[in-house]
């Protein structure tokens, strides 16, 4: 989806040493925002696949704005 939104082509490079062995971890992760809704009253503004695309487009717009990147701290991990 990201490449479609950005209208770019990419090539995936894989490293066999980094591929998880079968049955090593959970095969699929599911997000659940019910705890955020319960504790903080938060609800997502967008929903479904179209909402996901909209959120990605807004994130891409933010990261492609050089003014935003000036305050983005790439050298530290923020939560």
PDB file of N, CA and C in Angstrom:
ATOM      1  N   UNK A   1       0.807  -1.196   0.000  1.00  0.00           N
ATOM      2  CA  UNK A   1       0.000   0.000   0.000  1.00  0.00           C
ATOM      3  C   UNK A   1       0.855   1.266   0.000  1.00  0.00           C
ATOM      4  N   UNK A   2       1.920   1.265   0.767  1.00  0.00           N
ATOM      5  CA  UNK A   2       2.760   2.455   0.852  1.00  0.00           C
ATOM      6  C   UNK A   2       3.342   2.790  -0.517  1.00  0.00           C
ATOM      7  N   UNK A   3       3.833   1.776  -1.230  1.00  0.00           N
ATOM      8  CA  UNK A   3       4.406   2.047  -2.545  1.00  0.00           C
ATOM      9  C   UNK A   3       3.344   2.541  -3.518  1.00  0.00           C
ATOM     10  N   UNK A   4       2.125   2.042  -3.401  1.00  0.00           N
ATOM     11  CA  UNK A   4       1.036   2.528  -4.257  1.00  0.00           C
ATOM     12  C   UNK A   4       0.732   3.992  -3.964  1.00  0.00           C
ATOM     13  N   UNK A   5       0.633   4.336  -2.697  1.00  0.00           N
ATOM     14  CA  UNK A   5       0.325   5.719  -2.317  1.00  0.00           C
ATOM     15  C   UNK A   5       1.434   6.663  -2.765  1.00  0.00           C
ATOM     16  N   UNK A   6       2.688   6.213  -2.621  1.00  0.00           N
ATOM     17  CA  UNK A   6       3.822   7.067  -2.982  1.00  0.00           C
ATOM     18  C   UNK A   6       4.158   6.991  -4.471  1.00  0.00           C
ATOM     19  N   UNK A   7       3.505   6.054  -5.180  1.00  0.00           N
ATOM     20  CA  UNK A   7       3.744   5.851  -6.604  1.00  0.00           C
ATOM     21  C   UNK A   7       5.222   5.582  -6.897  1.00  0.00           C
ATOM     22  N   UNK A   8       5.778   4.613  -6.140  1.00  0.00           N
ATOM     23  CA  UNK A   8       7.169   4.214  -6.325  1.00  0.00           C
ATOM     24  C   UNK A   8       7.246   2.692  -6.430  1.00  0.00           C
ATOM     25  N   UNK A   9       8.331   2.236  -7.013  1.00  0.00           N
ATOM     26  CA  UNK A   9       8.593   0.802  -7.058  1.00  0.00           C
ATOM     27  C   UNK A   9       9.773   0.508  -6.147  1.00  0.00           C
ATOM     28  N   UNK A  10       9.713  -0.625  -5.466  1.00  0.00           N
ATOM     29  CA  UNK A  10      10.810  -1.015  -4.587  1.00  0.00           C
ATOM     30  C   UNK A  10      11.196  -2.453  -4.867  1.00  0.00           C
ATOM     31  N   UNK A  11      12.354  -2.817  -4.422  1.00  0.00           N
ATOM     32  CA  UNK A  11      12.816  -4.195  -4.519  1.00  0.00           C
ATOM     33  C   UNK A  11      13.037  -4.700  -3.103  1.00  0.00           C
ATOM     34  N   UNK A  12      12.454  -5.842  -2.789  1.00  0.00           N
ATOM     35  CA  UNK A  12      12.647  -6.434  -1.471  1.00  0.00           C
ATOM     36  C   UNK A  12      13.948  -7.223  -1.463  1.00  0.00           C
ATOM     37  N   UNK A  13      14.737  -7.012  -0.420  1.00  0.00           N
ATOM     38  CA  UNK A  13      15.969  -7.751  -0.226  1.00  0.00           C
ATOM     39  C   UNK A  13      15.789  -8.564   1.045  1.00  0.00           C
ATOM     40  N   UNK A  14      16.026  -9.849   0.963  1.00  0.00           N
ATOM     41  CA  UNK A  14      15.874 -10.701   2.142  1.00  0.00           C
ATOM     42  C   UNK A  14      17.215 -11.318   2.519  1.00  0.00           C
ATOM     43  N   UNK A  15      17.302 -11.658   3.774  1.00  0.00           N
ATOM     44  CA  UNK A  15      18.490 -12.315   4.309  1.00  0.00           C
ATOM     45  C   UNK A  15      18.002 -13.580   4.997  1.00  0.00           C
ATOM     46  N   UNK A  16      18.384 -14.717   4.489  1.00  0.00           N
ATOM     47  CA  UNK A  16      17.898 -15.997   5.024  1.00  0.00           C
ATOM     48  C   UNK A  16      18.143 -16.142   6.522  1.00  0.00           C
ATOM     49  N   UNK A  17      19.192 -15.524   7.041  1.00  0.00           N
ATOM     50  CA  UNK A  17      19.476 -15.620   8.470  1.00  0.00           C
ATOM     51  C   UNK A  17      18.451 -14.859   9.305  1.00  0.00           C
ATOM     52  N   UNK A  18      17.737 -13.916   8.691  1.00  0.00           N
ATOM     53  CA  UNK A  18      16.772 -13.106   9.435  1.00  0.00           C
ATOM     54  C   UNK A  18      15.336 -13.611   9.301  1.00  0.00           C
ATOM     55  N   UNK A  19      15.116 -14.632   8.483  1.00  0.00           N
ATOM     56  CA  UNK A  19      13.770 -15.187   8.324  1.00  0.00           C
ATOM     57  C   UNK A  19      13.477 -16.094   9.509  1.00  0.00           C
ATOM     58  N   UNK A  20      12.326 -15.872  10.121  1.00  0.00           N
ATOM     59  CA  UNK A  20      11.970 -16.658  11.306  1.00  0.00           C
ATOM     60  C   UNK A  20      11.717 -18.118  10.924  1.00  0.00           C
ATOM     61  N   UNK A  21      12.215 -19.023  11.730  1.00  0.00           N
ATOM     62  CA  UNK A  21      11.938 -20.438  11.477  1.00  0.00           C
ATOM     63  C   UNK A  21      10.450 -20.736  11.685  1.00  0.00           C
ATOM     64  N   UNK A  22       9.966 -21.764  11.028  1.00  0.00           N
ATOM     65  CA  UNK A  22       8.578 -22.189  11.227  1.00  0.00           C
ATOM     66  C   UNK A  22       8.304 -22.435  12.699  1.00  0.00           C
ATOM     67  N   UNK A  23       7.146 -22.056  13.147  1.00  0.00           N
ATOM     68  CA  UNK A  23       6.669 -22.261  14.518  1.00  0.00           C
ATOM     69  C   UNK A  23       7.535 -21.557  15.564  1.00  0.00           C
ATOM     70  N   UNK A  24       8.270 -20.515  15.164  1.00  0.00           N
ATOM     71  CA  UNK A  24       9.121 -19.832  16.130  1.00  0.00           C
ATOM     72  C   UNK A  24       8.367 -18.769  16.912  1.00  0.00           C
ATOM     73  N   UNK A  25       7.351 -18.167  16.310  1.00  0.00           N
ATOM     74  CA  UNK A  25       6.598 -17.108  16.963  1.00  0.00           C
ATOM     75  C   UNK A  25       5.161 -17.116  16.458  1.00  0.00           C
ATOM     76  N   UNK A  26       4.430 -16.145  16.912  1.00  0.00           N
ATOM     77  CA  UNK A  26       3.060 -15.990  16.457  1.00  0.00           C
ATOM     78  C   UNK A  26       3.076 -15.735  14.959  1.00  0.00           C
ATOM     79  N   UNK A  27       2.203 -16.418  14.231  1.00  0.00           N
ATOM     80  CA  UNK A  27       2.159 -16.263  12.787  1.00  0.00           C
ATOM     81  C   UNK A  27       1.506 -14.973  12.338  1.00  0.00           C
ATOM     82  N   UNK A  28       0.591 -14.454  13.148  1.00  0.00           N
ATOM     83  CA  UNK A  28      -0.112 -13.222  12.767  1.00  0.00           C
ATOM     84  C   UNK A  28      -0.440 -12.439  14.024  1.00  0.00           C
ATOM     85  N   UNK A  29      -0.216 -11.146  13.985  1.00  0.00           N
ATOM     86  CA  UNK A  29      -0.517 -10.286  15.121  1.00  0.00           C
ATOM     87  C   UNK A  29      -1.790  -9.496  14.822  1.00  0.00           C
ATOM     88  N   UNK A  30      -2.651  -9.362  15.808  1.00  0.00           N
ATOM     89  CA  UNK A  30      -3.900  -8.633  15.661  1.00  0.00           C
ATOM     90  C   UNK A  30      -3.882  -7.439  16.594  1.00  0.00           C
ATOM     91  N   UNK A  31      -4.148  -6.277  16.061  1.00  0.00           N
ATOM     92  CA  UNK A  31      -4.213  -5.070  16.882  1.00  0.00           C
ATOM     93  C   UNK A  31      -5.575  -5.002  17.569  1.00  0.00           C
ATOM     94  N   UNK A  32      -5.588  -4.435  18.775  1.00  0.00           N
ATOM     95  CA  UNK A  32      -6.827  -4.274  19.526  1.00  0.00           C
ATOM     96  C   UNK A  32      -6.738  -2.963  20.292  1.00  0.00           C
ATOM     97  N   UNK A  33      -7.596  -2.024  19.939  1.00  0.00           N
ATOM     98  CA  UNK A  33      -7.539  -0.723  20.587  1.00  0.00           C
ATOM     99  C   UNK A  33      -8.549  -0.584  21.726  1.00  0.00           C
ATOM    100  N   UNK A  34      -9.135  -1.681  22.162  1.00  0.00           N
ATOM    101  CA  UNK A  34     -10.168  -1.614  23.202  1.00  0.00           C
ATOM    102  C   UNK A  34      -9.615  -1.075  24.522  1.00  0.00           C
ATOM    103  N   UNK A  35      -8.371  -1.374  24.860  1.00  0.00           N
ATOM    104  CA  UNK A  35      -7.806  -0.881  26.112  1.00  0.00           C
ATOM    105  C   UNK A  35      -7.624   0.641  26.065  1.00  0.00           C
ATOM    106  N   UNK A  36      -7.199   1.179  24.933  1.00  0.00           N
ATOM    107  CA  UNK A  36      -7.076   2.632  24.782  1.00  0.00           C
ATOM    108  C   UNK A  36      -8.444   3.296  24.898  1.00  0.00           C
ATOM    109  N   UNK A  37      -9.451   2.671  24.332  1.00  0.00           N
ATOM    110  CA  UNK A  37     -10.812   3.206  24.429  1.00  0.00           C
ATOM    111  C   UNK A  37     -11.295   3.166  25.877  1.00  0.00           C
ATOM    112  N   UNK A  38     -11.021   2.056  26.547  1.00  0.00           N
ATOM    113  CA  UNK A  38     -11.465   1.867  27.932  1.00  0.00           C
ATOM    114  C   UNK A  38     -10.755   2.822  28.900  1.00  0.00           C
ATOM    115  N   UNK A  39      -9.433   2.940  28.785  1.00  0.00           N
ATOM    116  CA  UNK A  39      -8.659   3.724  29.742  1.00  0.00           C
ATOM    117  C   UNK A  39      -8.609   5.217  29.432  1.00  0.00           C
ATOM    118  N   UNK A  40      -8.576   5.555  28.150  1.00  0.00           N
ATOM    119  CA  UNK A  40      -8.377   6.957  27.787  1.00  0.00           C
ATOM    120  C   UNK A  40      -9.535   7.564  26.998  1.00  0.00           C
ATOM    121  N   UNK A  41     -10.525   6.737  26.682  1.00  0.00           N
ATOM    122  CA  UNK A  41     -11.639   7.237  25.892  1.00  0.00           C
ATOM    123  C   UNK A  41     -11.269   7.518  24.442  1.00  0.00           C
ATOM    124  N   UNK A  42     -10.152   6.953  24.002  1.00  0.00           N
ATOM    125  CA  UNK A  42      -9.679   7.188  22.635  1.00  0.00           C
ATOM    126  C   UNK A  42     -10.411   6.281  21.660  1.00  0.00           C
ATOM    127  N   UNK A  43     -10.710   6.815  20.484  1.00  0.00           N
ATOM    128  CA  UNK A  43     -11.265   6.026  19.390  1.00  0.00           C
ATOM    129  C   UNK A  43     -10.558   6.422  18.104  1.00  0.00           C
ATOM    130  N   UNK A  44     -10.320   5.473  17.214  1.00  0.00           N
ATOM    131  CA  UNK A  44      -9.680   5.830  15.951  1.00  0.00           C
ATOM    132  C   UNK A  44     -10.592   6.723  15.115  1.00  0.00           C
ATOM    133  N   UNK A  45      -9.988   7.644  14.377  1.00  0.00           N
ATOM    134  CA  UNK A  45     -10.773   8.525  13.504  1.00  0.00           C
ATOM    135  C   UNK A  45     -11.117   7.851  12.191  1.00  0.00           C
ATOM    136  N   UNK A  46     -10.302   6.888  11.757  1.00  0.00           N
ATOM    137  CA  UNK A  46     -10.503   6.227  10.484  1.00  0.00           C
ATOM    138  C   UNK A  46     -10.721   4.739  10.736  1.00  0.00           C
ATOM    139  N   UNK A  47     -11.460   4.104   9.847  1.00  0.00           N
ATOM    140  CA  UNK A  47     -11.697   2.684  10.010  1.00  0.00           C
ATOM    141  C   UNK A  47     -11.581   1.926   8.705  1.00  0.00           C
ATOM    142  N   UNK A  48     -11.376   0.638   8.814  1.00  0.00           N
ATOM    143  CA  UNK A  48     -11.318  -0.232   7.651  1.00  0.00           C
ATOM    144  C   UNK A  48     -10.103   0.012   6.781  1.00  0.00           C
ATOM    145  N   UNK A  49     -10.104  -0.652   5.640  1.00  0.00           N
ATOM    146  CA  UNK A  49      -8.968  -0.545   4.727  1.00  0.00           C
ATOM    147  C   UNK A  49      -8.827   0.877   4.180  1.00  0.00           C
ATOM    148  N   UNK A  50      -9.934   1.526   3.863  1.00  0.00           N
ATOM    149  CA  UNK A  50      -9.862   2.898   3.350  1.00  0.00           C
ATOM    150  C   UNK A  50      -9.317   3.850   4.418  1.00  0.00           C
ATOM    151  N   UNK A  51      -9.714   3.630   5.661  1.00  0.00           N
ATOM    152  CA  UNK A  51      -9.181   4.436   6.753  1.00  0.00           C
ATOM    153  C   UNK A  51      -7.697   4.200   6.945  1.00  0.00           C
ATOM    154  N   UNK A  52      -7.281   2.946   6.798  1.00  0.00           N
ATOM    155  CA  UNK A  52      -5.865   2.615   6.900  1.00  0.00           C
ATOM    156  C   UNK A  52      -5.072   3.333   5.810  1.00  0.00           C
ATOM    157  N   UNK A  53      -5.598   3.304   4.573  1.00  0.00           N
ATOM    158  CA  UNK A  53      -4.943   4.007   3.464  1.00  0.00           C
ATOM    159  C   UNK A  53      -4.857   5.509   3.744  1.00  0.00           C
ATOM    160  N   UNK A  54      -5.927   6.067   4.276  1.00  0.00           N
ATOM    161  CA  UNK A  54      -5.944   7.500   4.587  1.00  0.00           C
ATOM    162  C   UNK A  54      -4.882   7.839   5.637  1.00  0.00           C
ATOM    163  N   UNK A  55      -4.795   7.008   6.671  1.00  0.00           N
ATOM    164  CA  UNK A  55      -3.784   7.213   7.705  1.00  0.00           C
ATOM    165  C   UNK A  55      -2.373   7.100   7.151  1.00  0.00           C
ATOM    166  N   UNK A  56      -2.147   6.116   6.269  1.00  0.00           N
ATOM    167  CA  UNK A  56      -0.834   5.979   5.636  1.00  0.00           C
ATOM    168  C   UNK A  56      -0.503   7.211   4.801  1.00  0.00           C
ATOM    169  N   UNK A  57      -1.468   7.690   4.036  1.00  0.00           N
ATOM    170  CA  UNK A  57      -1.242   8.865   3.193  1.00  0.00           C
ATOM    171  C   UNK A  57      -0.876  10.074   4.049  1.00  0.00           C
ATOM    172  N   UNK A  58      -1.553  10.261   5.169  1.00  0.00           N
ATOM    173  CA  UNK A  58      -1.244  11.387   6.048  1.00  0.00           C
ATOM    174  C   UNK A  58       0.142  11.237   6.682  1.00  0.00           C
ATOM    175  N   UNK A  59       0.498  10.013   7.039  1.00  0.00           N
ATOM    176  CA  UNK A  59       1.826   9.758   7.610  1.00  0.00           C
ATOM    177  C   UNK A  59       2.913  10.033   6.573  1.00  0.00           C
ATOM    178  N   UNK A  60       2.700   9.577   5.345  1.00  0.00           N
ATOM    179  CA  UNK A  60       3.657   9.820   4.263  1.00  0.00           C
ATOM    180  C   UNK A  60       3.796  11.316   4.022  1.00  0.00           C
ATOM    181  N   UNK A  61       2.676  12.027   3.984  1.00  0.00           N
ATOM    182  CA  UNK A  61       2.727  13.482   3.804  1.00  0.00           C
ATOM    183  C   UNK A  61       3.560  14.136   4.899  1.00  0.00           C
ATOM    184  N   UNK A  62       3.372  13.678   6.131  1.00  0.00           N
ATOM    185  CA  UNK A  62       4.112  14.258   7.260  1.00  0.00           C
ATOM    186  C   UNK A  62       5.612  14.030   7.086  1.00  0.00           C
ATOM    187  N   UNK A  63       5.981  12.785   6.759  1.00  0.00           N
ATOM    188  CA  UNK A  63       7.401  12.448   6.652  1.00  0.00           C
ATOM    189  C   UNK A  63       8.065  13.039   5.414  1.00  0.00           C
ATOM    190  N   UNK A  64       7.298  13.386   4.400  1.00  0.00           N
ATOM    191  CA  UNK A  64       7.896  13.981   3.208  1.00  0.00           C
ATOM    192  C   UNK A  64       7.964  15.503   3.298  1.00  0.00           C
ATOM    193  N   UNK A  65       7.501  16.069   4.388  1.00  0.00           N
ATOM    194  CA  UNK A  65       7.607  17.505   4.630  1.00  0.00           C
ATOM    195  C   UNK A  65       8.904  17.755   5.394  1.00  0.00           C
ATOM    196  N   UNK A  66       9.855  18.433   4.751  1.00  0.00           N
ATOM    197  CA  UNK A  66      11.168  18.621   5.384  1.00  0.00           C
ATOM    198  C   UNK A  66      11.076  19.410   6.689  1.00  0.00           C
ATOM    199  N   UNK A  67      10.087  20.286   6.822  1.00  0.00           N
ATOM    200  CA  UNK A  67       9.913  21.020   8.069  1.00  0.00           C
ATOM    201  C   UNK A  67       9.618  20.100   9.239  1.00  0.00           C
ATOM    202  N   UNK A  68       8.848  19.056   8.996  1.00  0.00           N
ATOM    203  CA  UNK A  68       8.555  18.089  10.052  1.00  0.00           C
ATOM    204  C   UNK A  68       9.789  17.275  10.405  1.00  0.00           C
ATOM    205  N   UNK A  69      10.572  16.928   9.409  1.00  0.00           N
ATOM    206  CA  UNK A  69      11.744  16.094   9.664  1.00  0.00           C
ATOM    207  C   UNK A  69      12.804  16.817  10.477  1.00  0.00           C
ATOM    208  N   UNK A  70      12.803  18.137  10.437  1.00  0.00           N
ATOM    209  CA  UNK A  70      13.779  18.890  11.233  1.00  0.00           C
ATOM    210  C   UNK A  70      13.602  18.632  12.729  1.00  0.00           C
ATOM    211  N   UNK A  71      12.389  18.347  13.164  1.00  0.00           N
ATOM    212  CA  UNK A  71      12.157  18.099  14.588  1.00  0.00           C
ATOM    213  C   UNK A  71      12.010  16.614  14.907  1.00  0.00           C
ATOM    214  N   UNK A  72      12.151  15.757  13.920  1.00  0.00           N
ATOM    215  CA  UNK A  72      12.043  14.318  14.128  1.00  0.00           C
ATOM    216  C   UNK A  72      13.373  13.776  14.627  1.00  0.00           C
ATOM    217  N   UNK A  73      13.348  13.074  15.745  1.00  0.00           N
ATOM    218  CA  UNK A  73      14.575  12.598  16.389  1.00  0.00           C
ATOM    219  C   UNK A  73      14.885  11.162  15.947  1.00  0.00           C
ATOM    220  N   UNK A  74      15.700  11.033  14.947  1.00  0.00           N
ATOM    221  CA  UNK A  74      16.018   9.698  14.434  1.00  0.00           C
ATOM    222  C   UNK A  74      17.016   8.947  15.300  1.00  0.00           C
ATOM    223  N   UNK A  75      17.703   9.674  16.184  1.00  0.00           N
ATOM    224  CA  UNK A  75      18.769   9.051  16.963  1.00  0.00           C
ATOM    225  C   UNK A  75      18.305   8.511  18.306  1.00  0.00           C
ATOM    226  N   UNK A  76      17.028   8.739  18.685  1.00  0.00           N
ATOM    227  CA  UNK A  76      16.533   8.206  19.954  1.00  0.00           C
ATOM    228  C   UNK A  76      15.176   7.557  19.743  1.00  0.00           C
ATOM    229  N   UNK A  77      14.829   6.668  20.653  1.00  0.00           N
ATOM    230  CA  UNK A  77      13.547   5.966  20.584  1.00  0.00           C
ATOM    231  C   UNK A  77      12.558   6.663  21.495  1.00  0.00           C
ATOM    232  N   UNK A  78      11.486   7.157  20.925  1.00  0.00           N
ATOM    233  CA  UNK A  78      10.420   7.818  21.698  1.00  0.00           C
ATOM    234  C   UNK A  78       9.162   6.975  21.652  1.00  0.00           C
ATOM    235  N   UNK A  79       8.415   7.012  22.721  1.00  0.00           N
ATOM    236  CA  UNK A  79       7.126   6.333  22.743  1.00  0.00           C
ATOM    237  C   UNK A  79       6.064   7.389  22.946  1.00  0.00           C
TER     238      UNK A  79
END
